[in-house]
């Protein structure tokens, strides 16, 4: 009986496939191989942030999502560096605050440099260990700013809180995505 079913199914399947136009079959094949950004973003600590990035940029592959994430993090690090510089130059800023903000400015600059190196490695097909090293360094530099504020609890770091949090999350996601790529 099982042999009978199998032998009748083969011609039936072939008949159905013959009815599907060739172009339609190719389109179905392409759809099945489409890039799943949402699935890759689920592997990050901040999936919604990753998904928003994927939706706002032209990502078509895991590689392009990693590039977009690292590039966005690098831009945010440069922005954070500028914000820290602006705040430290504000009239009336206390000396301790200026010193902490200078530390943040330097740390954000180093983070931006590490992120640019990571971006070059991703685009150039660099080794996973090298990409991971640069992204880890960027995360450490970002954390250094928060550590500076933690050392001086009387200094108000609230002006950088949103910038710091967003940058930290972008770097974390970049690290998660790069790890998933390799």
N, C-alpha and C. Protein backbone atom coordinates (compact mmCIF):
# COMPACT_ATOMS: atom_id res chain seq x y z
N UNK A 1 0.82 -1.19 0.00
CA UNK A 1 0.00 0.00 0.00
C UNK A 1 0.87 1.26 0.00
N UNK A 2 1.97 1.28 0.84
CA UNK A 2 2.85 2.44 0.89
C UNK A 2 3.52 2.65 -0.45
N UNK A 3 3.89 1.57 -1.11
CA UNK A 3 4.51 1.67 -2.42
C UNK A 3 3.53 2.28 -3.43
N UNK A 4 2.28 1.91 -3.33
CA UNK A 4 1.25 2.43 -4.23
C UNK A 4 1.11 3.95 -4.05
N UNK A 5 1.10 4.43 -2.79
CA UNK A 5 0.95 5.87 -2.53
C UNK A 5 2.14 6.64 -3.08
N UNK A 6 3.33 6.15 -2.83
CA UNK A 6 4.53 6.84 -3.27
C UNK A 6 4.57 6.91 -4.79
N UNK A 7 4.21 5.83 -5.43
CA UNK A 7 4.28 5.81 -6.90
C UNK A 7 3.21 6.71 -7.52
N UNK A 8 2.11 6.96 -6.84
CA UNK A 8 1.09 7.86 -7.38
C UNK A 8 1.37 9.31 -7.01
N UNK A 9 2.11 9.54 -5.94
CA UNK A 9 2.43 10.91 -5.54
C UNK A 9 3.46 11.55 -6.46
N UNK A 10 4.41 10.80 -6.91
CA UNK A 10 5.46 11.36 -7.76
C UNK A 10 4.86 11.98 -9.03
N UNK A 11 4.02 11.28 -9.78
CA UNK A 11 3.43 11.93 -10.96
C UNK A 11 2.55 13.13 -10.59
N UNK A 12 1.88 13.04 -9.45
CA UNK A 12 1.03 14.15 -9.01
C UNK A 12 1.88 15.39 -8.73
N UNK A 13 2.98 15.22 -8.03
CA UNK A 13 3.88 16.34 -7.72
C UNK A 13 4.44 16.92 -9.01
N UNK A 14 4.87 16.07 -9.91
CA UNK A 14 5.40 16.55 -11.19
C UNK A 14 4.35 17.31 -11.98
N UNK A 15 3.11 16.87 -11.93
CA UNK A 15 2.03 17.56 -12.63
C UNK A 15 1.79 18.94 -12.04
N UNK A 16 1.83 19.05 -10.72
CA UNK A 16 1.64 20.35 -10.06
C UNK A 16 2.78 21.29 -10.42
N UNK A 17 4.01 20.79 -10.37
CA UNK A 17 5.16 21.62 -10.72
C UNK A 17 5.10 22.09 -12.17
N UNK A 18 4.57 21.27 -13.04
CA UNK A 18 4.45 21.64 -14.45
C UNK A 18 3.46 22.78 -14.63
N UNK A 19 2.49 22.89 -13.74
CA UNK A 19 1.48 23.95 -13.84
C UNK A 19 2.00 25.30 -13.36
N UNK A 20 3.04 25.30 -12.51
CA UNK A 20 3.59 26.56 -12.00
C UNK A 20 4.48 27.17 -13.08
N UNK A 21 4.19 28.40 -13.51
CA UNK A 21 5.02 29.04 -14.53
C UNK A 21 6.47 29.16 -14.06
N UNK A 22 7.39 29.12 -15.00
CA UNK A 22 8.82 29.14 -14.65
C UNK A 22 9.18 30.40 -13.88
N UNK A 23 8.67 31.55 -14.29
CA UNK A 23 8.97 32.80 -13.58
C UNK A 23 8.46 32.78 -12.16
N UNK A 24 7.30 32.18 -11.96
CA UNK A 24 6.71 32.07 -10.63
C UNK A 24 7.59 31.21 -9.74
N UNK A 25 8.11 30.13 -10.27
CA UNK A 25 8.98 29.24 -9.49
C UNK A 25 10.24 29.98 -9.08
N UNK A 26 10.80 30.78 -10.00
CA UNK A 26 12.00 31.55 -9.65
C UNK A 26 11.68 32.57 -8.56
N UNK A 27 10.54 33.23 -8.64
CA UNK A 27 10.16 34.21 -7.64
C UNK A 27 9.99 33.54 -6.28
N UNK A 28 9.37 32.39 -6.25
CA UNK A 28 9.21 31.66 -4.99
C UNK A 28 10.56 31.29 -4.41
N UNK A 29 11.49 30.93 -5.27
CA UNK A 29 12.83 30.57 -4.81
C UNK A 29 13.51 31.79 -4.19
N UNK A 30 13.39 32.95 -4.84
CA UNK A 30 14.00 34.17 -4.31
C UNK A 30 13.39 34.55 -2.97
N UNK A 31 12.10 34.45 -2.83
CA UNK A 31 11.43 34.81 -1.58
C UNK A 31 11.93 33.93 -0.44
N UNK A 32 12.12 32.65 -0.72
CA UNK A 32 12.54 31.75 0.34
C UNK A 32 13.96 32.04 0.81
N UNK A 33 14.75 32.73 -0.02
CA UNK A 33 16.13 33.04 0.35
C UNK A 33 16.27 34.48 0.85
N UNK A 34 15.18 35.17 1.12
CA UNK A 34 15.22 36.56 1.55
C UNK A 34 15.88 36.68 2.92
N UNK A 35 16.53 37.80 3.13
CA UNK A 35 17.23 38.08 4.38
C UNK A 35 16.22 38.39 5.48
N UNK A 36 16.39 37.79 6.64
CA UNK A 36 15.50 37.96 7.78
C UNK A 36 16.17 38.84 8.84
N UNK A 37 16.04 40.16 8.69
CA UNK A 37 16.66 41.10 9.63
C UNK A 37 16.08 40.95 11.02
N UNK A 38 14.78 40.73 11.11
CA UNK A 38 14.13 40.59 12.42
C UNK A 38 14.71 39.40 13.17
N UNK A 39 14.91 38.30 12.46
CA UNK A 39 15.48 37.11 13.09
C UNK A 39 16.89 37.36 13.60
N UNK A 40 17.70 38.07 12.82
CA UNK A 40 19.06 38.39 13.26
C UNK A 40 19.02 39.38 14.42
N UNK A 41 18.11 40.33 14.37
CA UNK A 41 18.00 41.31 15.45
C UNK A 41 17.59 40.67 16.77
N UNK A 42 16.90 39.55 16.70
CA UNK A 42 16.52 38.85 17.94
C UNK A 42 17.74 38.35 18.71
N UNK A 43 18.87 38.27 18.04
CA UNK A 43 20.10 37.80 18.68
C UNK A 43 20.84 38.91 19.40
N UNK A 44 20.29 40.12 19.38
CA UNK A 44 20.92 41.25 20.06
C UNK A 44 20.25 41.50 21.40
N UNK A 45 20.94 42.27 22.23
CA UNK A 45 20.36 42.63 23.54
C UNK A 45 19.23 43.65 23.40
N UNK A 46 19.28 44.45 22.36
CA UNK A 46 18.29 45.51 22.16
C UNK A 46 17.65 45.32 20.78
N UNK A 47 16.80 44.31 20.69
CA UNK A 47 16.22 43.88 19.41
C UNK A 47 15.40 44.98 18.75
N UNK A 48 14.63 45.73 19.51
CA UNK A 48 13.80 46.78 18.91
C UNK A 48 14.66 47.88 18.30
N UNK A 49 15.75 48.22 18.95
CA UNK A 49 16.67 49.22 18.41
C UNK A 49 17.28 48.70 17.10
N UNK A 50 17.65 47.45 17.08
CA UNK A 50 18.20 46.82 15.88
C UNK A 50 17.17 46.81 14.75
N UNK A 51 15.95 46.44 15.07
CA UNK A 51 14.89 46.37 14.06
C UNK A 51 14.58 47.76 13.49
N UNK A 52 14.61 48.78 14.34
CA UNK A 52 14.39 50.14 13.87
C UNK A 52 15.50 50.56 12.91
N UNK A 53 16.73 50.19 13.24
CA UNK A 53 17.86 50.49 12.36
C UNK A 53 17.70 49.76 11.03
N UNK A 54 17.34 48.50 11.08
CA UNK A 54 17.17 47.70 9.86
C UNK A 54 16.07 48.28 8.98
N UNK A 55 15.03 48.79 9.58
CA UNK A 55 13.91 49.36 8.82
C UNK A 55 14.26 50.71 8.21
N UNK A 56 15.16 51.45 8.87
CA UNK A 56 15.47 52.80 8.41
C UNK A 56 16.62 52.86 7.42
N UNK A 57 17.33 51.77 7.25
CA UNK A 57 18.45 51.74 6.31
C UNK A 57 18.22 50.63 5.29
N UNK A 58 19.01 50.67 4.25
CA UNK A 58 18.86 49.68 3.18
C UNK A 58 19.70 48.44 3.49
N UNK A 59 19.21 47.61 4.40
CA UNK A 59 19.92 46.38 4.71
C UNK A 59 19.33 45.24 3.89
N UNK A 60 20.21 44.49 3.28
CA UNK A 60 19.76 43.40 2.43
C UNK A 60 20.46 42.09 2.77
N UNK A 61 21.35 42.14 3.76
CA UNK A 61 22.10 40.94 4.13
C UNK A 61 22.58 41.10 5.57
N UNK A 62 22.99 40.01 6.20
CA UNK A 62 23.55 40.14 7.55
C UNK A 62 24.75 41.09 7.57
N UNK A 63 25.59 41.01 6.55
CA UNK A 63 26.76 41.89 6.46
C UNK A 63 26.35 43.36 6.44
N UNK A 64 25.33 43.69 5.65
CA UNK A 64 24.91 45.09 5.56
C UNK A 64 24.26 45.57 6.86
N UNK A 65 23.64 44.67 7.61
CA UNK A 65 23.07 45.05 8.90
C UNK A 65 24.19 45.33 9.91
N UNK A 66 25.23 44.51 9.90
CA UNK A 66 26.37 44.75 10.79
C UNK A 66 27.01 46.09 10.43
N UNK A 67 27.22 46.32 9.13
CA UNK A 67 27.80 47.60 8.69
C UNK A 67 26.96 48.78 9.15
N UNK A 68 25.66 48.70 8.95
CA UNK A 68 24.76 49.80 9.34
C UNK A 68 24.81 50.04 10.84
N UNK A 69 24.87 48.98 11.62
CA UNK A 69 24.89 49.11 13.07
C UNK A 69 26.20 49.74 13.55
N UNK A 70 27.32 49.28 13.02
CA UNK A 70 28.62 49.82 13.42
C UNK A 70 28.74 51.27 12.95
N UNK A 71 28.27 51.54 11.74
CA UNK A 71 28.34 52.91 11.22
C UNK A 71 27.49 53.86 12.07
N UNK A 72 26.29 53.44 12.43
CA UNK A 72 25.43 54.27 13.28
C UNK A 72 26.08 54.50 14.65
N UNK A 73 26.68 53.46 15.21
CA UNK A 73 27.36 53.60 16.50
C UNK A 73 28.52 54.59 16.39
N UNK A 74 29.28 54.53 15.30
CA UNK A 74 30.40 55.45 15.10
C UNK A 74 29.91 56.89 15.01
N UNK A 75 28.82 57.11 14.29
CA UNK A 75 28.25 58.46 14.19
C UNK A 75 27.77 58.95 15.55
N UNK A 76 27.15 58.07 16.33
CA UNK A 76 26.67 58.45 17.66
C UNK A 76 27.83 58.74 18.60
N UNK A 77 28.94 58.02 18.44
CA UNK A 77 30.12 58.28 19.27
C UNK A 77 30.69 59.66 18.96
N UNK A 78 30.73 60.01 17.68
CA UNK A 78 31.20 61.35 17.29
C UNK A 78 30.25 62.42 17.83
N UNK A 79 28.96 62.15 17.78
CA UNK A 79 27.97 63.08 18.33
C UNK A 79 28.16 63.22 19.85
N UNK A 80 28.36 62.11 20.53
CA UNK A 80 28.56 62.14 21.99
C UNK A 80 29.81 62.93 22.34
N UNK A 81 30.85 62.78 21.55
CA UNK A 81 32.08 63.53 21.78
C UNK A 81 31.81 65.03 21.65
N UNK A 82 31.05 65.42 20.65
CA UNK A 82 30.71 66.84 20.45
C UNK A 82 29.85 67.37 21.59
N UNK A 83 28.90 66.57 22.06
CA UNK A 83 28.04 66.99 23.17
C UNK A 83 28.87 67.18 24.43
N UNK A 84 29.77 66.26 24.71
CA UNK A 84 30.63 66.37 25.90
C UNK A 84 31.51 67.62 25.81
N UNK A 85 32.03 67.91 24.63
CA UNK A 85 32.85 69.11 24.44
C UNK A 85 32.02 70.37 24.66
N UNK A 86 30.81 70.38 24.14
CA UNK A 86 29.93 71.54 24.29
C UNK A 86 29.58 71.76 25.76
N UNK A 87 29.27 70.69 26.47
CA UNK A 87 28.90 70.82 27.88
C UNK A 87 30.08 71.28 28.73
N UNK A 88 31.28 70.81 28.41
CA UNK A 88 32.44 71.20 29.21
C UNK A 88 32.82 72.65 28.96
N UNK A 89 32.46 73.18 27.80
CA UNK A 89 32.77 74.57 27.48
C UNK A 89 31.69 75.55 27.95
N UNK A 90 30.62 75.02 28.52
CA UNK A 90 29.52 75.89 28.96
C UNK A 90 30.00 76.80 30.09
N UNK A 91 29.60 78.07 30.02
CA UNK A 91 29.99 79.00 31.08
C UNK A 91 29.41 78.55 32.43
N UNK A 92 30.22 78.64 33.45
CA UNK A 92 29.76 78.29 34.79
C UNK A 92 29.91 76.82 35.14
N UNK A 93 30.43 76.01 34.23
CA UNK A 93 30.63 74.59 34.53
C UNK A 93 31.74 74.45 35.57
N UNK A 94 31.47 73.69 36.59
CA UNK A 94 32.46 73.49 37.65
C UNK A 94 33.67 72.75 37.10
N UNK A 95 34.82 72.97 37.76
CA UNK A 95 36.07 72.36 37.31
C UNK A 95 35.98 70.83 37.31
N UNK A 96 35.37 70.25 38.34
CA UNK A 96 35.26 68.79 38.40
C UNK A 96 34.41 68.28 37.24
N UNK A 97 33.32 68.97 36.95
CA UNK A 97 32.46 68.58 35.83
C UNK A 97 33.23 68.70 34.52
N UNK A 98 33.98 69.78 34.36
CA UNK A 98 34.77 69.94 33.14
C UNK A 98 35.76 68.79 32.96
N UNK A 99 36.40 68.38 34.06
CA UNK A 99 37.36 67.27 33.99
C UNK A 99 36.68 65.95 33.62
N UNK A 100 35.53 65.70 34.22
CA UNK A 100 34.79 64.48 33.91
C UNK A 100 34.34 64.51 32.45
N UNK A 101 33.84 65.64 32.00
CA UNK A 101 33.39 65.76 30.62
C UNK A 101 34.56 65.64 29.64
N UNK A 102 35.74 66.13 30.04
CA UNK A 102 36.92 65.97 29.19
C UNK A 102 37.28 64.49 29.06
N UNK A 103 37.15 63.77 30.17
CA UNK A 103 37.38 62.33 30.13
C UNK A 103 36.39 61.64 29.19
N UNK A 104 35.13 62.07 29.27
CA UNK A 104 34.10 61.51 28.38
C UNK A 104 34.41 61.85 26.92
N UNK A 105 34.81 63.08 26.71
CA UNK A 105 35.13 63.51 25.34
C UNK A 105 36.24 62.64 24.76
N UNK A 106 37.29 62.42 25.55
CA UNK A 106 38.40 61.58 25.09
C UNK A 106 37.95 60.14 24.86
N UNK A 107 37.14 59.63 25.79
CA UNK A 107 36.66 58.25 25.68
C UNK A 107 35.76 58.07 24.46
N UNK A 108 34.88 59.02 24.23
CA UNK A 108 34.00 58.94 23.06
C UNK A 108 34.81 59.03 21.76
N UNK A 109 35.85 59.85 21.77
CA UNK A 109 36.73 59.94 20.60
C UNK A 109 37.42 58.61 20.32
N UNK A 110 37.90 57.98 21.38
CA UNK A 110 38.54 56.67 21.23
C UNK A 110 37.54 55.62 20.77
N UNK A 111 36.31 55.71 21.28
CA UNK A 111 35.26 54.78 20.85
C UNK A 111 34.96 54.97 19.36
N UNK A 112 34.88 56.22 18.93
CA UNK A 112 34.62 56.51 17.51
C UNK A 112 35.73 55.93 16.63
N UNK A 113 36.99 56.08 17.08
CA UNK A 113 38.12 55.53 16.32
C UNK A 113 38.02 54.01 16.22
N UNK A 114 37.73 53.36 17.34
CA UNK A 114 37.62 51.89 17.36
C UNK A 114 36.47 51.43 16.47
N UNK A 115 35.37 52.17 16.49
CA UNK A 115 34.22 51.81 15.66
C UNK A 115 34.53 51.99 14.17
N UNK A 116 35.28 53.03 13.84
CA UNK A 116 35.68 53.22 12.43
C UNK A 116 36.60 52.09 11.97
N UNK A 117 37.50 51.66 12.85
CA UNK A 117 38.38 50.53 12.52
C UNK A 117 37.54 49.26 12.33
N UNK A 118 36.58 49.06 13.22
CA UNK A 118 35.70 47.88 13.11
C UNK A 118 34.93 47.93 11.80
N UNK A 119 34.44 49.10 11.44
CA UNK A 119 33.69 49.25 10.19
C UNK A 119 34.56 48.91 8.98
N UNK A 120 35.79 49.37 8.98
CA UNK A 120 36.71 49.04 7.89
C UNK A 120 36.96 47.54 7.82
N UNK A 121 37.10 46.91 8.98
CA UNK A 121 37.31 45.46 9.01
C UNK A 121 36.09 44.70 8.49
N UNK A 122 34.90 45.14 8.89
CA UNK A 122 33.68 44.48 8.43
C UNK A 122 33.58 44.61 6.91
N UNK A 123 33.79 45.81 6.40
CA UNK A 123 33.67 46.05 4.96
C UNK A 123 34.76 45.32 4.17
N UNK A 124 35.93 45.18 4.79
CA UNK A 124 37.04 44.54 4.10
C UNK A 124 37.14 43.04 4.33
N UNK A 125 36.16 42.47 5.01
CA UNK A 125 36.20 41.03 5.27
C UNK A 125 37.24 40.65 6.29
N UNK A 126 37.47 41.52 7.27
CA UNK A 126 38.46 41.26 8.31
C UNK A 126 38.13 40.05 9.17
N UNK A 127 39.12 39.62 9.92
CA UNK A 127 38.93 38.47 10.80
C UNK A 127 37.93 38.79 11.90
N UNK A 128 37.14 37.81 12.26
CA UNK A 128 36.12 37.97 13.31
C UNK A 128 36.76 38.42 14.62
N UNK A 129 37.92 37.87 14.96
CA UNK A 129 38.58 38.23 16.21
C UNK A 129 38.98 39.70 16.22
N UNK A 130 39.42 40.23 15.08
CA UNK A 130 39.82 41.63 15.00
C UNK A 130 38.60 42.56 15.11
N UNK A 131 37.52 42.18 14.45
CA UNK A 131 36.28 42.97 14.54
C UNK A 131 35.78 42.97 15.97
N UNK A 132 35.76 41.81 16.58
CA UNK A 132 35.33 41.66 17.97
C UNK A 132 36.19 42.51 18.90
N UNK A 133 37.49 42.50 18.66
CA UNK A 133 38.41 43.27 19.50
C UNK A 133 38.12 44.77 19.43
N UNK A 134 37.91 45.28 18.23
CA UNK A 134 37.63 46.72 18.07
C UNK A 134 36.28 47.10 18.69
N UNK A 135 35.28 46.25 18.50
CA UNK A 135 33.96 46.55 19.08
C UNK A 135 33.99 46.45 20.60
N UNK A 136 34.74 45.50 21.13
CA UNK A 136 34.88 45.39 22.58
C UNK A 136 35.60 46.61 23.14
N UNK A 137 36.63 47.06 22.44
CA UNK A 137 37.35 48.26 22.87
C UNK A 137 36.41 49.47 22.86
N UNK A 138 35.59 49.58 21.83
CA UNK A 138 34.63 50.69 21.75
C UNK A 138 33.69 50.66 22.95
N UNK A 139 33.20 49.47 23.30
CA UNK A 139 32.32 49.34 24.46
C UNK A 139 33.01 49.76 25.75
N UNK A 140 34.28 49.40 25.88
CA UNK A 140 35.04 49.78 27.07
C UNK A 140 35.21 51.29 27.14
N UNK A 141 35.51 51.92 26.00
CA UNK A 141 35.66 53.37 25.98
C UNK A 141 34.36 54.07 26.35
N UNK A 142 33.26 53.57 25.86
CA UNK A 142 31.96 54.16 26.19
C UNK A 142 31.69 54.03 27.69
N UNK A 143 31.98 52.87 28.24
CA UNK A 143 31.77 52.65 29.68
C UNK A 143 32.66 53.53 30.54
N UNK A 144 33.82 53.92 30.01
CA UNK A 144 34.75 54.76 30.76
C UNK A 144 34.12 56.10 31.13
N UNK A 145 33.30 56.64 30.25
CA UNK A 145 32.63 57.90 30.56
C UNK A 145 31.72 57.73 31.77
N UNK A 146 30.92 56.68 31.77
CA UNK A 146 30.03 56.44 32.90
C UNK A 146 30.83 56.22 34.17
N UNK A 147 31.94 55.50 34.07
CA UNK A 147 32.80 55.27 35.23
C UNK A 147 33.31 56.58 35.80
N UNK A 148 33.62 57.54 34.93
CA UNK A 148 34.10 58.85 35.39
C UNK A 148 33.04 59.55 36.22
N UNK A 149 31.80 59.48 35.79
CA UNK A 149 30.71 60.08 36.58
C UNK A 149 30.50 59.32 37.88
N UNK A 150 30.64 58.00 37.83
CA UNK A 150 30.46 57.19 39.04
C UNK A 150 31.50 57.52 40.11
N UNK A 151 32.69 57.94 39.69
CA UNK A 151 33.75 58.30 40.64
C UNK A 151 33.43 59.59 41.38
N UNK A 152 32.60 60.42 40.79
CA UNK A 152 32.23 61.70 41.40
C UNK A 152 30.71 61.78 41.48
N UNK A 153 30.12 61.14 42.49
CA UNK A 153 28.65 61.08 42.57
C UNK A 153 27.98 62.45 42.71
N UNK A 154 28.71 63.45 43.16
CA UNK A 154 28.13 64.79 43.30
C UNK A 154 28.02 65.52 41.96
N UNK A 155 28.71 65.01 40.96
CA UNK A 155 28.67 65.64 39.64
C UNK A 155 27.46 65.10 38.88
N UNK A 156 26.67 66.02 38.36
CA UNK A 156 25.44 65.65 37.64
C UNK A 156 25.77 65.23 36.21
N UNK A 157 25.56 63.96 35.93
CA UNK A 157 25.81 63.44 34.59
C UNK A 157 24.55 63.25 33.78
N UNK A 158 23.46 63.80 34.27
CA UNK A 158 22.17 63.56 33.60
C UNK A 158 22.11 64.14 32.19
N UNK A 159 22.93 65.15 31.92
CA UNK A 159 22.90 65.74 30.58
C UNK A 159 23.43 64.78 29.51
N UNK A 160 24.23 63.81 29.93
CA UNK A 160 24.78 62.84 28.98
C UNK A 160 24.09 61.48 29.06
N UNK A 161 23.15 61.32 29.96
CA UNK A 161 22.55 60.01 30.20
C UNK A 161 21.95 59.40 28.93
N UNK A 162 21.14 60.15 28.22
CA UNK A 162 20.50 59.60 27.01
C UNK A 162 21.52 59.27 25.93
N UNK A 163 22.48 60.16 25.75
CA UNK A 163 23.53 59.93 24.75
C UNK A 163 24.33 58.68 25.11
N UNK A 164 24.70 58.60 26.39
CA UNK A 164 25.49 57.47 26.89
C UNK A 164 24.73 56.15 26.72
N UNK A 165 23.48 56.14 27.12
CA UNK A 165 22.67 54.92 27.04
C UNK A 165 22.50 54.46 25.60
N UNK A 166 22.14 55.38 24.72
CA UNK A 166 21.93 55.04 23.31
C UNK A 166 23.21 54.51 22.67
N UNK A 167 24.32 55.17 22.93
CA UNK A 167 25.59 54.74 22.36
C UNK A 167 25.99 53.37 22.88
N UNK A 168 25.83 53.17 24.17
CA UNK A 168 26.16 51.87 24.76
C UNK A 168 25.34 50.75 24.13
N UNK A 169 24.07 51.00 23.90
CA UNK A 169 23.20 49.99 23.29
C UNK A 169 23.57 49.71 21.84
N UNK A 170 23.92 50.75 21.10
CA UNK A 170 24.32 50.56 19.71
C UNK A 170 25.60 49.74 19.60
N UNK A 171 26.55 50.02 20.49
CA UNK A 171 27.80 49.25 20.48
C UNK A 171 27.53 47.80 20.87
N UNK A 172 26.69 47.60 21.87
CA UNK A 172 26.34 46.24 22.29
C UNK A 172 25.69 45.46 21.14
N UNK A 173 24.75 46.09 20.46
CA UNK A 173 24.10 45.43 19.32
C UNK A 173 25.09 45.13 18.20
N UNK A 174 26.00 46.07 17.95
CA UNK A 174 27.00 45.84 16.91
C UNK A 174 27.85 44.63 17.23
N UNK A 175 28.22 44.50 18.49
CA UNK A 175 29.01 43.35 18.93
C UNK A 175 28.22 42.05 18.77
N UNK A 176 26.95 42.08 19.17
CA UNK A 176 26.09 40.89 19.01
C UNK A 176 25.92 40.50 17.54
N UNK A 177 25.69 41.49 16.69
CA UNK A 177 25.49 41.21 15.27
C UNK A 177 26.76 40.68 14.61
N UNK A 178 27.89 41.28 14.96
CA UNK A 178 29.16 40.82 14.39
C UNK A 178 29.46 39.39 14.81
N UNK A 179 29.14 39.06 16.05
CA UNK A 179 29.35 37.69 16.53
C UNK A 179 28.45 36.71 15.79
N UNK A 180 27.23 37.14 15.49
CA UNK A 180 26.29 36.27 14.78
C UNK A 180 26.70 36.09 13.32
N UNK A 181 27.42 37.06 12.78
CA UNK A 181 27.84 37.02 11.38
C UNK A 181 28.90 35.95 11.15
N UNK A 182 29.76 35.76 12.13
CA UNK A 182 30.89 34.81 11.96
C UNK A 182 30.64 33.53 12.69
